Amino acid sequence: MAVYKKTYRPYDGALTASWSRFLVIPRYAFEDMRKSRFLTIFFLASFIYPLIAALIIYVQHNASALALLGVQNANRLISINATFFLNFLGWQSMLALFMAAFVGPGQVSPDLANNALSLYLARPFSRVEYVLGKMWILIALTSLMTWVPGLLLFALQAYLEDGWTWLQNNTNLAWGLFLGSWVWILLLALLALALSAWVKWKPAAGALMFGVFFVMAGFGVAVNSVQRTNWGHLLNISALIGSIWVQLFGADPKVNNGGAFFRMPSGQELPLWSCWMALLALSGICLYMLSRKIRGAEVVR
C-alpha cells in the first residue's frame, strides 16, 4: 500500500487481555488434534474405566439391582475407600502417560524445526506464556482423564451414601484425587515439552518418554540389587508418585503402597521427603532444558 494515499489506519479493535494470551496456542492446537481419529478414539476410550467405576458405585447402593444380580453383601466385595480411588487414579494416570507421549512430542519440536519461535516471541508474547500455552494442551486433556472424573465419582459416592456425613469423613479422598492428579499432570507436561524441545523427531521423543519411566525404573532395580539398597527407587518415577499419593490420600502405608501401576515395592519404602525432592529435581531439570531451547534466536556454531 502506498504511504502517500494515507489510507492506512492502525488497529483500534478490542485487545486480548494479557493474562489470557497464552490460550491462543491451545485453541488452534485442539482444532488440529480433533482431525486425528486415533487420538479422538483413545481419548473417548479413556472414559470406559470411570463409567465402570460409576456403575459399581451405583449398583452397590441399589438394592433392586443387587437382588437382580443375586449379589449378597456387596460391601464386602468392593469397598469405596482410599484403595478404590487410588486404583482409579493409577489406571487413569497411566492412560494420561500414553496421551502425553502421543501429543506432547508434537508441541515444541515443529516450532523449533521450522524456526517459528521468533514469530511467537516477536509479538507481545513471553517465553513463559509460550510454555504455558503448550502445557495447557496437555493439562486440559489429562485433567479430563484424571481428577475431573475422579471428583465426579467422589460426588456420586457421597450422594448415594449418606450425603454430608460421608463427605466430611472422607474429604481427604477428594484432596488426594485433586492434588495427586496435579502432581502427575505437571510432571508429565514438563517432561513432554522438555523432550519435545530437545528431540525434534516426534516418534523418538514419544519413545523416550516411555524410556524415562520404564528404563529408568529397571535401572533403579539393578542399582538396588547390586548395592543392596532401596535408594535406587529414586529413579522409579511411578514408585515415587505412588508413595506421594498414599500421603495425599491419608491412607495407611501398611495397607496401601500406591495405586495401580504406581506402587512402591512393599517393604522398600523411601522417606517421603526424598520422593518429593526427586520429583522436584526432575521438574527443575525439565525447566532448565526448556529455558535453553525456548529462545527467540538460536546461535549456530
C-alpha atoms as a PDB file:
ATOM      1  CA  MET A   1       0.000   0.000   0.000  1.00  0.00           C
ATOM      2  CA  ALA A   2       1.395   3.364  -0.975  1.00  0.00           C
ATOM      3  CA  VAL A   3       2.041   5.612   2.030  1.00  0.00           C
ATOM      4  CA  TYR A   4       1.084   8.829   0.239  1.00  0.00           C
ATOM      5  CA  LYS A   5      -2.509   7.672  -0.121  1.00  0.00           C
ATOM      6  CA  LYS A   6      -2.811   7.879   3.691  1.00  0.00           C
ATOM      7  CA  THR A   7      -5.416   5.103   3.781  1.00  0.00           C
ATOM      8  CA  TYR A   8      -3.631   3.079   6.451  1.00  0.00           C
ATOM      9  CA  ARG A   9      -5.291   3.087   9.839  1.00  0.00           C
ATOM     10  CA  PRO A  10      -3.936   1.331  12.942  1.00  0.00           C
ATOM     11  CA  TYR A  11      -5.962  -1.442  14.551  1.00  0.00           C
ATOM     12  CA  ASP A  12      -8.405   0.077  17.021  1.00  0.00           C
ATOM     13  CA  GLY A  13     -10.401  -3.051  17.974  1.00  0.00           C
ATOM     14  CA  ALA A  14     -10.518  -4.866  21.278  1.00  0.00           C
ATOM     15  CA  LEU A  15      -7.240  -6.271  22.569  1.00  0.00           C
ATOM     16  CA  THR A  16      -6.873  -9.670  24.159  1.00  0.00           C
ATOM     17  CA  ALA A  17      -6.192  -9.477  27.872  1.00  0.00           C
ATOM     18  CA  SER A  18      -2.532 -10.098  28.648  1.00  0.00           C
ATOM     19  CA  TRP A  19      -3.310 -12.851  31.176  1.00  0.00           C
ATOM     20  CA  SER A  20      -5.197 -14.938  28.604  1.00  0.00           C
ATOM     21  CA  ARG A  21      -2.972 -14.560  25.543  1.00  0.00           C
ATOM     22  CA  PHE A  22      -1.370 -17.964  26.105  1.00  0.00           C
ATOM     23  CA  LEU A  23      -4.777 -19.588  25.474  1.00  0.00           C
ATOM     24  CA  VAL A  24      -4.431 -18.743  21.777  1.00  0.00           C
ATOM     25  CA  ILE A  25      -1.946 -21.605  21.371  1.00  0.00           C
ATOM     26  CA  PRO A  26      -4.151 -24.433  22.743  1.00  0.00           C
ATOM     27  CA  ARG A  27      -7.179 -23.110  20.874  1.00  0.00           C
ATOM     28  CA  TYR A  28      -5.614 -23.829  17.492  1.00  0.00           C
ATOM     29  CA  ALA A  29      -3.849 -26.953  18.760  1.00  0.00           C
ATOM     30  CA  PHE A  30      -7.154 -28.544  19.804  1.00  0.00           C
ATOM     31  CA  GLU A  31      -8.559 -27.877  16.324  1.00  0.00           C
ATOM     32  CA  ASP A  32      -5.655 -29.799  14.792  1.00  0.00           C
ATOM     33  CA  MET A  33      -5.960 -32.644  17.304  1.00  0.00           C
ATOM     34  CA  ARG A  34      -9.637 -33.157  16.507  1.00  0.00           C
ATOM     35  CA  LYS A  35      -8.584 -34.154  12.997  1.00  0.00           C
ATOM     36  CA  SER A  36      -6.730 -37.182  14.395  1.00  0.00           C
ATOM     37  CA  ARG A  37      -9.135 -40.105  14.563  1.00  0.00           C
ATOM     38  CA  PHE A  38      -6.753 -42.182  16.667  1.00  0.00           C
ATOM     39  CA  LEU A  39      -6.400 -39.525  19.397  1.00  0.00           C
ATOM     40  CA  THR A  40     -10.158 -38.963  19.445  1.00  0.00           C
ATOM     41  CA  ILE A  41     -10.893 -42.675  19.873  1.00  0.00           C
ATOM     42  CA  PHE A  42      -8.192 -43.072  22.510  1.00  0.00           C
ATOM     43  CA  PHE A  43      -9.472 -40.066  24.471  1.00  0.00           C
ATOM     44  CA  LEU A  44     -13.049 -41.359  24.419  1.00  0.00           C
ATOM     45  CA  ALA A  45     -11.889 -44.865  25.383  1.00  0.00           C
ATOM     46  CA  SER A  46     -10.185 -43.428  28.470  1.00  0.00           C
ATOM     47  CA  PHE A  47     -13.637 -42.846  29.993  1.00  0.00           C
ATOM     48  CA  ILE A  48     -14.535 -46.550  29.998  1.00  0.00           C
ATOM     49  CA  TYR A  49     -12.965 -47.173  33.404  1.00  0.00           C
ATOM     50  CA  PRO A  50     -14.696 -44.157  35.045  1.00  0.00           C
ATOM     51  CA  LEU A  51     -18.024 -45.393  33.661  1.00  0.00           C
ATOM     52  CA  ILE A  52     -17.385 -48.869  35.087  1.00  0.00           C
ATOM     53  CA  ALA A  53     -16.429 -47.332  38.444  1.00  0.00           C
ATOM     54  CA  ALA A  54     -19.593 -45.220  38.437  1.00  0.00           C
ATOM     55  CA  LEU A  55     -21.663 -48.318  37.662  1.00  0.00           C
ATOM     56  CA  ILE A  56     -20.035 -50.172  40.559  1.00  0.00           C
ATOM     57  CA  ILE A  57     -20.846 -47.321  42.944  1.00  0.00           C
ATOM     58  CA  TYR A  58     -24.436 -47.140  41.724  1.00  0.00           C
ATOM     59  CA  VAL A  59     -25.083 -50.879  41.863  1.00  0.00           C
ATOM     60  CA  GLN A  60     -23.593 -51.114  45.337  1.00  0.00           C
ATOM     61  CA  HIS A  61     -26.198 -48.644  46.610  1.00  0.00           C
ATOM     62  CA  ASN A  62     -29.140 -50.048  44.648  1.00  0.00           C
ATOM     63  CA  ALA A  63     -30.907 -52.875  46.457  1.00  0.00           C
ATOM     64  CA  SER A  64     -33.058 -53.877  43.473  1.00  0.00           C
ATOM     65  CA  ALA A  65     -30.005 -54.098  41.204  1.00  0.00           C
ATOM     66  CA  LEU A  66     -28.186 -56.251  43.754  1.00  0.00           C
ATOM     67  CA  ALA A  67     -31.196 -58.540  44.071  1.00  0.00           C
ATOM     68  CA  LEU A  68     -31.420 -58.823  40.279  1.00  0.00           C
ATOM     69  CA  LEU A  69     -27.747 -59.774  40.066  1.00  0.00           C
ATOM     70  CA  GLY A  70     -28.069 -62.131  43.013  1.00  0.00           C
ATOM     71  CA  VAL A  71     -25.191 -60.442  44.847  1.00  0.00           C
ATOM     72  CA  GLN A  72     -25.200 -60.572  48.634  1.00  0.00           C
ATOM     73  CA  ASN A  73     -23.022 -58.498  50.961  1.00  0.00           C
ATOM     74  CA  ALA A  74     -21.716 -56.305  48.140  1.00  0.00           C
ATOM     75  CA  ASN A  75     -19.967 -54.045  50.624  1.00  0.00           C
ATOM     76  CA  ARG A  76     -17.604 -56.898  51.437  1.00  0.00           C
ATOM     77  CA  LEU A  77     -16.743 -57.459  47.776  1.00  0.00           C
ATOM     78  CA  ILE A  78     -15.812 -53.898  46.823  1.00  0.00           C
ATOM     79  CA  SER A  79     -15.296 -51.084  49.325  1.00  0.00           C
ATOM     80  CA  ILE A  80     -15.417 -47.477  48.151  1.00  0.00           C
ATOM     81  CA  ASN A  81     -12.395 -46.271  50.073  1.00  0.00           C
ATOM     82  CA  ALA A  82      -8.877 -44.975  49.515  1.00  0.00           C
ATOM     83  CA  THR A  83      -7.817 -48.177  47.727  1.00  0.00           C
ATOM     84  CA  PHE A  84     -10.708 -47.840  45.264  1.00  0.00           C
ATOM     85  CA  PHE A  85      -9.817 -44.257  44.348  1.00  0.00           C
ATOM     86  CA  LEU A  86      -6.060 -44.926  44.326  1.00  0.00           C
ATOM     87  CA  ASN A  87      -6.533 -47.718  41.786  1.00  0.00           C
ATOM     88  CA  PHE A  88      -8.797 -45.467  39.735  1.00  0.00           C
ATOM     89  CA  LEU A  89      -6.211 -42.692  39.746  1.00  0.00           C
ATOM     90  CA  GLY A  90      -3.412 -45.109  38.891  1.00  0.00           C
ATOM     91  CA  TRP A  91      -5.231 -46.551  35.894  1.00  0.00           C
ATOM     92  CA  GLN A  92      -6.261 -43.163  34.539  1.00  0.00           C
ATOM     93  CA  SER A  93      -2.791 -41.722  35.111  1.00  0.00           C
ATOM     94  CA  MET A  94      -1.244 -44.495  33.038  1.00  0.00           C
ATOM     95  CA  LEU A  95      -3.622 -43.613  30.197  1.00  0.00           C
ATOM     96  CA  ALA A  96      -2.626 -39.972  30.672  1.00  0.00           C
ATOM     97  CA  LEU A  97       1.012 -41.022  30.173  1.00  0.00           C
ATOM     98  CA  PHE A  98       0.126 -42.576  26.812  1.00  0.00           C
ATOM     99  CA  MET A  99      -1.808 -39.439  25.842  1.00  0.00           C
ATOM    100  CA  ALA A 100       1.139 -37.222  26.769  1.00  0.00           C
ATOM    101  CA  ALA A 101       3.503 -39.468  24.798  1.00  0.00           C
ATOM    102  CA  PHE A 102       1.317 -39.099  21.700  1.00  0.00           C
ATOM    103  CA  VAL A 103       0.501 -35.389  21.994  1.00  0.00           C
ATOM    104  CA  GLY A 104       3.476 -33.873  23.821  1.00  0.00           C
ATOM    105  CA  PRO A 105       6.310 -34.517  21.320  1.00  0.00           C
ATOM    106  CA  GLY A 106       4.469 -32.582  18.612  1.00  0.00           C
ATOM    107  CA  GLN A 107       4.118 -29.366  20.568  1.00  0.00           C
ATOM    108  CA  VAL A 108       7.535 -27.681  20.572  1.00  0.00           C
ATOM    109  CA  SER A 109       9.591 -29.629  18.032  1.00  0.00           C
ATOM    110  CA  PRO A 110       7.759 -28.326  14.899  1.00  0.00           C
ATOM    111  CA  ASP A 111       8.296 -24.719  16.013  1.00  0.00           C
ATOM    112  CA  LEU A 112      11.991 -25.341  16.559  1.00  0.00           C
ATOM    113  CA  ALA A 113      12.427 -27.299  13.328  1.00  0.00           C
ATOM    114  CA  ASN A 114      10.810 -24.525  11.272  1.00  0.00           C
ATOM    115  CA  ASN A 115      12.362 -21.606  13.201  1.00  0.00           C
ATOM    116  CA  ALA A 116       8.921 -20.387  14.237  1.00  0.00           C
ATOM    117  CA  LEU A 117       9.798 -19.359  17.798  1.00  0.00           C
ATOM    118  CA  SER A 118      10.952 -15.955  16.590  1.00  0.00           C
ATOM    119  CA  LEU A 119       7.463 -15.364  15.152  1.00  0.00           C
ATOM    120  CA  TYR A 120       5.878 -16.127  18.521  1.00  0.00           C
ATOM    121  CA  LEU A 121       8.291 -14.107  20.613  1.00  0.00           C
ATOM    122  CA  ALA A 122       8.355 -11.140  18.200  1.00  0.00           C
ATOM    123  CA  ARG A 123       4.815 -10.415  19.396  1.00  0.00           C
ATOM    124  CA  PRO A 124       3.787  -9.339  22.916  1.00  0.00           C
ATOM    125  CA  PHE A 125       4.263 -12.934  23.968  1.00  0.00           C
ATOM    126  CA  SER A 126       6.837 -14.018  26.549  1.00  0.00           C
ATOM    127  CA  ARG A 127       8.668 -17.332  26.795  1.00  0.00           C
ATOM    128  CA  VAL A 128       6.700 -18.176  29.927  1.00  0.00           C
ATOM    129  CA  GLU A 129       3.407 -17.604  28.104  1.00  0.00           C
ATOM    130  CA  TYR A 130       4.595 -19.764  25.225  1.00  0.00           C
ATOM    131  CA  VAL A 131       5.428 -22.646  27.578  1.00  0.00           C
ATOM    132  CA  LEU A 132       2.141 -22.186  29.461  1.00  0.00           C
ATOM    133  CA  GLY A 133       0.223 -22.298  26.190  1.00  0.00           C
ATOM    134  CA  LYS A 134       1.908 -25.530  25.151  1.00  0.00           C
ATOM    135  CA  MET A 135       1.464 -27.029  28.628  1.00  0.00           C
ATOM    136  CA  TRP A 136      -2.211 -26.105  28.727  1.00  0.00           C
ATOM    137  CA  ILE A 137      -2.926 -28.557  25.917  1.00  0.00           C
ATOM    138  CA  LEU A 138      -1.622 -31.461  27.977  1.00  0.00           C
ATOM    139  CA  ILE A 139      -3.070 -30.115  31.226  1.00  0.00           C
ATOM    140  CA  ALA A 140      -6.574 -29.870  29.797  1.00  0.00           C
ATOM    141  CA  LEU A 141      -6.544 -33.358  28.252  1.00  0.00           C
ATOM    142  CA  THR A 142      -5.021 -35.155  31.228  1.00  0.00           C
ATOM    143  CA  SER A 143      -7.245 -33.289  33.706  1.00  0.00           C
ATOM    144  CA  LEU A 144     -10.316 -34.586  31.908  1.00  0.00           C
ATOM    145  CA  MET A 145      -8.857 -38.083  32.250  1.00  0.00           C
ATOM    146  CA  THR A 146      -7.837 -37.955  35.929  1.00  0.00           C
ATOM    147  CA  TRP A 147      -9.127 -35.609  38.609  1.00  0.00           C
ATOM    148  CA  VAL A 148     -12.289 -34.417  36.831  1.00  0.00           C
ATOM    149  CA  PRO A 149     -13.925 -37.886  36.576  1.00  0.00           C
ATOM    150  CA  GLY A 150     -12.386 -38.771  39.948  1.00  0.00           C
ATOM    151  CA  LEU A 151     -14.164 -35.923  41.722  1.00  0.00           C
ATOM    152  CA  LEU A 152     -17.392 -36.796  39.900  1.00  0.00           C
ATOM    153  CA  LEU A 153     -17.134 -40.351  41.241  1.00  0.00           C
ATOM    154  CA  PHE A 154     -16.443 -38.954  44.700  1.00  0.00           C
ATOM    155  CA  ALA A 155     -19.549 -36.750  44.457  1.00  0.00           C
ATOM    156  CA  LEU A 156     -21.634 -39.710  43.259  1.00  0.00           C
ATOM    157  CA  GLN A 157     -20.490 -41.831  46.194  1.00  0.00           C
ATOM    158  CA  ALA A 158     -21.262 -39.015  48.642  1.00  0.00           C
ATOM    159  CA  TYR A 159     -24.722 -38.542  47.141  1.00  0.00           C
ATOM    160  CA  LEU A 160     -25.623 -42.223  47.246  1.00  0.00           C
ATOM    161  CA  GLU A 161     -24.117 -42.823  50.681  1.00  0.00           C
ATOM    162  CA  ASP A 162     -25.413 -40.630  53.497  1.00  0.00           C
ATOM    163  CA  GLY A 163     -24.539 -37.297  51.942  1.00  0.00           C
ATOM    164  CA  TRP A 164     -22.850 -34.725  54.137  1.00  0.00           C
ATOM    165  CA  THR A 165     -21.622 -37.139  56.815  1.00  0.00           C
ATOM    166  CA  TRP A 166     -19.675 -39.353  54.388  1.00  0.00           C
ATOM    167  CA  LEU A 167     -18.365 -36.242  52.643  1.00  0.00           C
ATOM    168  CA  GLN A 168     -16.977 -34.799  55.868  1.00  0.00           C
ATOM    169  CA  ASN A 169     -15.377 -38.086  56.902  1.00  0.00           C
ATOM    170  CA  ASN A 170     -13.679 -38.623  53.521  1.00  0.00           C
ATOM    171  CA  THR A 171     -12.576 -35.148  52.463  1.00  0.00           C
ATOM    172  CA  ASN A 172      -9.005 -36.452  52.286  1.00  0.00           C
ATOM    173  CA  LEU A 173     -10.008 -38.636  49.322  1.00  0.00           C
ATOM    174  CA  ALA A 174     -11.157 -35.612  47.315  1.00  0.00           C
ATOM    175  CA  TRP A 175      -7.995 -33.680  48.136  1.00  0.00           C
ATOM    176  CA  GLY A 176      -5.896 -36.724  47.294  1.00  0.00           C
ATOM    177  CA  LEU A 177      -7.577 -37.079  43.900  1.00  0.00           C
ATOM    178  CA  PHE A 178      -7.120 -33.407  43.088  1.00  0.00           C
ATOM    179  CA  LEU A 179      -3.594 -32.783  44.382  1.00  0.00           C
ATOM    180  CA  GLY A 180      -2.293 -36.212  43.388  1.00  0.00           C
ATOM    181  CA  SER A 181      -3.533 -35.718  39.833  1.00  0.00           C
ATOM    182  CA  TRP A 182      -1.901 -32.300  39.578  1.00  0.00           C
ATOM    183  CA  VAL A 183       1.464 -33.616  40.749  1.00  0.00           C
ATOM    184  CA  TRP A 184       1.365 -36.195  37.957  1.00  0.00           C
ATOM    185  CA  ILE A 185      -0.060 -33.808  35.338  1.00  0.00           C
ATOM    186  CA  LEU A 186       2.548 -31.090  35.872  1.00  0.00           C
ATOM    187  CA  LEU A 187       5.378 -33.617  35.792  1.00  0.00           C
ATOM    188  CA  LEU A 188       4.048 -35.161  32.577  1.00  0.00           C
ATOM    189  CA  ALA A 189       3.600 -31.784  30.885  1.00  0.00           C
ATOM    190  CA  LEU A 190       7.093 -30.553  31.792  1.00  0.00           C
ATOM    191  CA  LEU A 191       8.754 -33.797  30.737  1.00  0.00           C
ATOM    192  CA  ALA A 192       6.855 -33.987  27.443  1.00  0.00           C
ATOM    193  CA  LEU A 193       7.705 -30.402  26.487  1.00  0.00           C
ATOM    194  CA  ALA A 194      11.352 -30.755  27.512  1.00  0.00           C
ATOM    195  CA  LEU A 195      11.803 -33.886  25.396  1.00  0.00           C
ATOM    196  CA  SER A 196       9.923 -32.261  22.523  1.00  0.00           C
ATOM    197  CA  ALA A 197      12.293 -29.282  22.655  1.00  0.00           C
ATOM    198  CA  TRP A 198      15.454 -31.401  22.536  1.00  0.00           C
ATOM    199  CA  VAL A 199      14.355 -34.295  20.308  1.00  0.00           C
ATOM    200  CA  LYS A 200      12.895 -32.913  17.093  1.00  0.00           C
ATOM    201  CA  TRP A 201      11.803 -36.292  15.712  1.00  0.00           C
ATOM    202  CA  LYS A 202       8.382 -36.897  17.248  1.00  0.00           C
ATOM    203  CA  PRO A 203       8.436 -40.747  17.324  1.00  0.00           C
ATOM    204  CA  ALA A 204      11.809 -40.680  19.073  1.00  0.00           C
ATOM    205  CA  ALA A 205      10.576 -38.149  21.638  1.00  0.00           C
ATOM    206  CA  GLY A 206       7.491 -40.253  22.371  1.00  0.00           C
ATOM    207  CA  ALA A 207       9.591 -43.396  22.782  1.00  0.00           C
ATOM    208  CA  LEU A 208      11.978 -41.515  25.032  1.00  0.00           C
ATOM    209  CA  MET A 209       9.102 -40.628  27.366  1.00  0.00           C
ATOM    210  CA  PHE A 210       8.416 -44.310  27.938  1.00  0.00           C
ATOM    211  CA  GLY A 211      12.148 -44.865  28.328  1.00  0.00           C
ATOM    212  CA  VAL A 212      12.346 -42.285  31.106  1.00  0.00           C
ATOM    213  CA  PHE A 213       9.655 -44.117  33.068  1.00  0.00           C
ATOM    214  CA  PHE A 214      10.310 -47.778  32.342  1.00  0.00           C
ATOM    215  CA  VAL A 215      14.024 -47.994  31.522  1.00  0.00           C
ATOM    216  CA  MET A 216      14.990 -45.805  34.477  1.00  0.00           C
ATOM    217  CA  ALA A 217      12.782 -47.945  36.742  1.00  0.00           C
ATOM    218  CA  GLY A 218      14.616 -51.069  35.565  1.00  0.00           C
ATOM    219  CA  PHE A 219      17.958 -49.358  36.111  1.00  0.00           C
ATOM    220  CA  GLY A 220      16.874 -48.479  39.640  1.00  0.00           C
ATOM    221  CA  VAL A 221      16.049 -52.122  40.350  1.00  0.00           C
ATOM    222  CA  ALA A 222      19.515 -53.076  39.106  1.00  0.00           C
ATOM    223  CA  VAL A 223      21.103 -50.496  41.417  1.00  0.00           C
ATOM    224  CA  ASN A 224      19.155 -51.913  44.364  1.00  0.00           C
ATOM    225  CA  SER A 225      20.269 -55.452  43.554  1.00  0.00           C
ATOM    226  CA  VAL A 226      23.933 -54.593  43.133  1.00  0.00           C
ATOM    227  CA  GLN A 227      24.268 -52.128  46.000  1.00  0.00           C
ATOM    228  CA  ARG A 228      21.754 -53.887  48.293  1.00  0.00           C
ATOM    229  CA  THR A 229      19.876 -50.695  48.968  1.00  0.00           C
ATOM    230  CA  ASN A 230      16.456 -49.168  48.358  1.00  0.00           C
ATOM    231  CA  TRP A 231      17.653 -45.775  47.128  1.00  0.00           C
ATOM    232  CA  GLY A 232      17.595 -46.976  43.530  1.00  0.00           C
ATOM    233  CA  HIS A 233      13.835 -46.412  43.620  1.00  0.00           C
ATOM    234  CA  LEU A 234      14.602 -42.699  43.289  1.00  0.00           C
ATOM    235  CA  LEU A 235      14.920 -43.473  39.561  1.00  0.00           C
ATOM    236  CA  ASN A 236      11.472 -45.107  39.507  1.00  0.00           C
ATOM    237  CA  ILE A 237       9.127 -42.194  38.869  1.00  0.00           C
ATOM    238  CA  SER A 238       5.947 -44.249  39.156  1.00  0.00           C
ATOM    239  CA  ALA A 239       7.005 -45.579  42.581  1.00  0.00           C
ATOM    240  CA  LEU A 240       7.762 -42.049  43.777  1.00  0.00           C
ATOM    241  CA  ILE A 241       4.352 -40.860  42.609  1.00  0.00           C
ATOM    242  CA  GLY A 242       2.661 -43.803  44.317  1.00  0.00           C
ATOM    243  CA  SER A 243       4.328 -43.014  47.646  1.00  0.00           C
ATOM    244  CA  ILE A 244       3.243 -39.385  47.433  1.00  0.00           C
ATOM    245  CA  TRP A 245      -0.317 -40.430  46.591  1.00  0.00           C
ATOM    246  CA  VAL A 246      -0.507 -42.545  49.743  1.00  0.00           C
ATOM    247  CA  GLN A 247       0.457 -39.481  51.758  1.00  0.00           C
ATOM    248  CA  LEU A 248      -2.012 -37.178  49.987  1.00  0.00           C
ATOM    249  CA  PHE A 249      -4.870 -39.659  50.363  1.00  0.00           C
ATOM    250  CA  GLY A 250      -4.120 -40.101  54.038  1.00  0.00           C
ATOM    251  CA  ALA A 251      -4.091 -43.867  53.523  1.00  0.00           C
ATOM    252  CA  ASP A 252      -2.454 -46.366  55.845  1.00  0.00           C
ATOM    253  CA  PRO A 253       1.053 -47.140  54.469  1.00  0.00           C
ATOM    254  CA  LYS A 254       0.798 -50.655  55.937  1.00  0.00           C
ATOM    255  CA  VAL A 255      -2.227 -51.370  53.731  1.00  0.00           C
ATOM    256  CA  ASN A 256      -1.674 -49.156  50.658  1.00  0.00           C
ATOM    257  CA  ASN A 257       1.598 -48.607  48.836  1.00  0.00           C
ATOM    258  CA  GLY A 258       0.123 -46.666  45.889  1.00  0.00           C
ATOM    259  CA  GLY A 259      -2.348 -47.038  43.044  1.00  0.00           C
ATOM    260  CA  ALA A 260      -2.468 -49.398  40.095  1.00  0.00           C
ATOM    261  CA  PHE A 261       0.815 -49.155  38.109  1.00  0.00           C
ATOM    262  CA  PHE A 262       2.098 -46.666  40.716  1.00  0.00           C
ATOM    263  CA  ARG A 263       3.245 -48.722  43.685  1.00  0.00           C
ATOM    264  CA  MET A 264       6.377 -48.641  45.755  1.00  0.00           C
ATOM    265  CA  PRO A 265       7.553 -52.234  46.395  1.00  0.00           C
ATOM    266  CA  SER A 266       6.312 -53.387  49.781  1.00  0.00           C
ATOM    267  CA  GLY A 267       8.975 -53.203  52.474  1.00  0.00           C
ATOM    268  CA  GLN A 268      11.214 -50.975  50.333  1.00  0.00           C
ATOM    269  CA  GLU A 269       9.576 -47.626  51.024  1.00  0.00           C
ATOM    270  CA  LEU A 270      11.659 -44.465  50.928  1.00  0.00           C
ATOM    271  CA  PRO A 271      11.243 -41.374  53.121  1.00  0.00           C
ATOM    272  CA  LEU A 272       8.607 -39.067  51.720  1.00  0.00           C
ATOM    273  CA  TRP A 273      10.955 -36.102  51.688  1.00  0.00           C
ATOM    274  CA  SER A 274      13.262 -37.972  49.306  1.00  0.00           C
ATOM    275  CA  CYS A 275      10.333 -38.713  46.964  1.00  0.00           C
ATOM    276  CA  TRP A 276       9.377 -35.044  46.844  1.00  0.00           C
ATOM    277  CA  MET A 277      12.984 -33.944  46.339  1.00  0.00           C
ATOM    278  CA  ALA A 278      13.478 -36.390  43.465  1.00  0.00           C
ATOM    279  CA  LEU A 279      10.365 -35.143  41.650  1.00  0.00           C
ATOM    280  CA  LEU A 280      11.316 -31.506  42.252  1.00  0.00           C
ATOM    281  CA  ALA A 281      14.798 -32.203  40.883  1.00  0.00           C
ATOM    282  CA  LEU A 282      13.330 -33.804  37.750  1.00  0.00           C
ATOM    283  CA  SER A 283      10.982 -30.832  37.275  1.00  0.00           C
ATOM    284  CA  GLY A 284      13.902 -28.436  37.672  1.00  0.00           C
ATOM    285  CA  ILE A 285      15.890 -30.320  35.018  1.00  0.00           C
ATOM    286  CA  CYS A 286      12.921 -30.097  32.625  1.00  0.00           C
ATOM    287  CA  LEU A 287      12.589 -26.352  33.222  1.00  0.00           C
ATOM    288  CA  TYR A 288      16.304 -25.893  32.589  1.00  0.00           C
ATOM    289  CA  MET A 289      16.059 -27.852  29.336  1.00  0.00           C
ATOM    290  CA  LEU A 290      13.159 -25.668  28.204  1.00  0.00           C
ATOM    291  CA  SER A 291      14.950 -22.439  29.108  1.00  0.00           C
ATOM    292  CA  ARG A 292      17.907 -23.472  26.957  1.00  0.00           C
ATOM    293  CA  LYS A 293      15.770 -24.162  23.880  1.00  0.00           C
ATOM    294  CA  ILE A 294      12.852 -21.709  24.076  1.00  0.00           C
ATOM    295  CA  ARG A 295      14.582 -18.619  22.724  1.00  0.00           C
ATOM    296  CA  GLY A 296      13.771 -16.054  20.100  1.00  0.00           C
ATOM    297  CA  ALA A 297      17.025 -16.668  18.227  1.00  0.00           C
ATOM    298  CA  GLU A 298      19.356 -19.618  18.003  1.00  0.00           C
ATOM    299  CA  VAL A 299      23.082 -19.232  17.630  1.00  0.00           C
ATOM    300  CA  VAL A 300      24.582 -21.943  15.419  1.00  0.00           C
ATOM    301  CA  ARG A 301      28.292 -22.512  15.700  1.00  0.00           C
END
